[in-house]
Amino acid sequence: MEITTEWLLLREFLLDDWRAVLAYQQDARYWEYYPWSACTESDAKNSSNGSRTSRPSHQGAGLN
């Protein structure tokens, strides 16, 4: 699924998105809202892959 507006593109993760996942998860601003441990390259690759194959267990899952 893809949603596009003039300013925004929302789409599912692609396997090649792991570099972007790694970059935002290593940003200090990210840690203000997400308490889990630092992201490694391996974590980012798994996250990008897992996001394509799994869905949240319930509405709001992952939100603090």
C-alpha atoms as a PDB file:
ATOM      1  CA  MET A   1       0.000   0.000   0.000  1.00  0.00           C
ATOM      2  CA  GLU A   2       1.211   3.502  -0.767  1.00  0.00           C
ATOM      3  CA  ILE A   3      -0.253   6.878   0.182  1.00  0.00           C
ATOM      4  CA  THR A   4       1.098   9.962  -1.553  1.00  0.00           C
ATOM      5  CA  THR A   5       0.391  13.636  -0.932  1.00  0.00           C
ATOM      6  CA  GLU A   6       2.150  16.778  -2.084  1.00  0.00           C
ATOM      7  CA  TRP A   7       4.462  16.620   0.965  1.00  0.00           C
ATOM      8  CA  LEU A   8       4.483  13.005   2.070  1.00  0.00           C
ATOM      9  CA  LEU A   9       4.925   9.447   0.819  1.00  0.00           C
ATOM     10  CA  LEU A  10       3.851   6.609   3.128  1.00  0.00           C
ATOM     11  CA  ARG A  11       4.730   3.084   2.076  1.00  0.00           C
ATOM     12  CA  GLU A  12       5.730  -0.242   3.551  1.00  0.00           C
ATOM     13  CA  PHE A  13       9.392  -0.807   4.338  1.00  0.00           C
ATOM     14  CA  LEU A  14      11.584  -2.235   1.597  1.00  0.00           C
ATOM     15  CA  LEU A  15      14.497  -4.576   2.311  1.00  0.00           C
ATOM     16  CA  ASP A  16      16.909  -1.859   1.164  1.00  0.00           C
ATOM     17  CA  ASP A  17      15.546   0.603   3.770  1.00  0.00           C
ATOM     18  CA  TRP A  18      17.814  -0.780   6.499  1.00  0.00           C
ATOM     19  CA  ARG A  19      20.323   2.082   6.105  1.00  0.00           C
ATOM     20  CA  ALA A  20      17.596   4.661   6.721  1.00  0.00           C
ATOM     21  CA  VAL A  21      16.291   2.648   9.692  1.00  0.00           C
ATOM     22  CA  LEU A  22      19.798   2.521  11.149  1.00  0.00           C
ATOM     23  CA  ALA A  23      20.256   6.274  10.658  1.00  0.00           C
ATOM     24  CA  TYR A  24      17.066   7.362  12.409  1.00  0.00           C
ATOM     25  CA  GLN A  25      17.430   4.824  15.215  1.00  0.00           C
ATOM     26  CA  GLN A  26      20.917   6.145  15.998  1.00  0.00           C
ATOM     27  CA  ASP A  27      19.677   9.745  16.199  1.00  0.00           C
ATOM     28  CA  ALA A  28      19.555  11.060  19.795  1.00  0.00           C
ATOM     29  CA  ARG A  29      16.128  12.634  19.169  1.00  0.00           C
ATOM     30  CA  TYR A  30      14.733   9.150  18.537  1.00  0.00           C
ATOM     31  CA  TRP A  31      15.754   8.015  22.034  1.00  0.00           C
ATOM     32  CA  GLU A  32      13.503  10.630  23.657  1.00  0.00           C
ATOM     33  CA  TYR A  33      10.490   8.534  22.622  1.00  0.00           C
ATOM     34  CA  TYR A  34      11.743   4.954  22.246  1.00  0.00           C
ATOM     35  CA  PRO A  35      13.438   3.411  25.296  1.00  0.00           C
ATOM     36  CA  TRP A  36      14.936   0.250  23.772  1.00  0.00           C
ATOM     37  CA  SER A  37      18.634  -0.285  23.183  1.00  0.00           C
ATOM     38  CA  ALA A  38      20.835   1.073  20.399  1.00  0.00           C
ATOM     39  CA  CYS A  39      20.290  -0.222  16.883  1.00  0.00           C
ATOM     40  CA  THR A  40      23.038  -2.104  15.059  1.00  0.00           C
ATOM     41  CA  GLU A  41      23.329  -2.744  11.313  1.00  0.00           C
ATOM     42  CA  SER A  42      21.996  -6.266  11.883  1.00  0.00           C
ATOM     43  CA  ASP A  43      19.046  -4.926  13.929  1.00  0.00           C
ATOM     44  CA  ALA A  44      18.200  -2.433  11.189  1.00  0.00           C
ATOM     45  CA  LYS A  45      18.261  -5.117   8.497  1.00  0.00           C
ATOM     46  CA  ASN A  46      16.022  -7.369  10.594  1.00  0.00           C
ATOM     47  CA  SER A  47      13.687  -4.475  11.365  1.00  0.00           C
ATOM     48  CA  SER A  48      13.281  -3.587   7.699  1.00  0.00           C
ATOM     49  CA  ASN A  49      12.665  -7.221   6.821  1.00  0.00           C
ATOM     50  CA  GLY A  50      10.341  -7.863   9.767  1.00  0.00           C
ATOM     51  CA  SER A  51       8.248  -4.809   9.034  1.00  0.00           C
ATOM     52  CA  ARG A  52       7.419  -6.285   5.655  1.00  0.00           C
ATOM     53  CA  THR A  53       6.273  -9.622   7.024  1.00  0.00           C
ATOM     54  CA  SER A  54       4.619  -8.854  10.354  1.00  0.00           C
ATOM     55  CA  ARG A  55       1.862  -6.610  11.568  1.00  0.00           C
ATOM     56  CA  PRO A  56       1.311  -4.975  14.977  1.00  0.00           C
ATOM     57  CA  SER A  57      -0.487  -7.175  17.476  1.00  0.00           C
ATOM     58  CA  HIS A  58      -3.048  -4.448  18.163  1.00  0.00           C
ATOM     59  CA  GLN A  59      -3.837  -0.855  17.268  1.00  0.00           C
ATOM     60  CA  GLY A  60      -1.274   1.446  18.883  1.00  0.00           C
ATOM     61  CA  ALA A  61       1.335  -1.296  19.357  1.00  0.00           C
ATOM     62  CA  GLY A  62       4.782   0.284  19.529  1.00  0.00           C
ATOM     63  CA  LEU A  63       3.492   3.705  20.541  1.00  0.00           C
ATOM     64  CA  ASN A  64       4.368   5.162  23.931  1.00  0.00           C
END
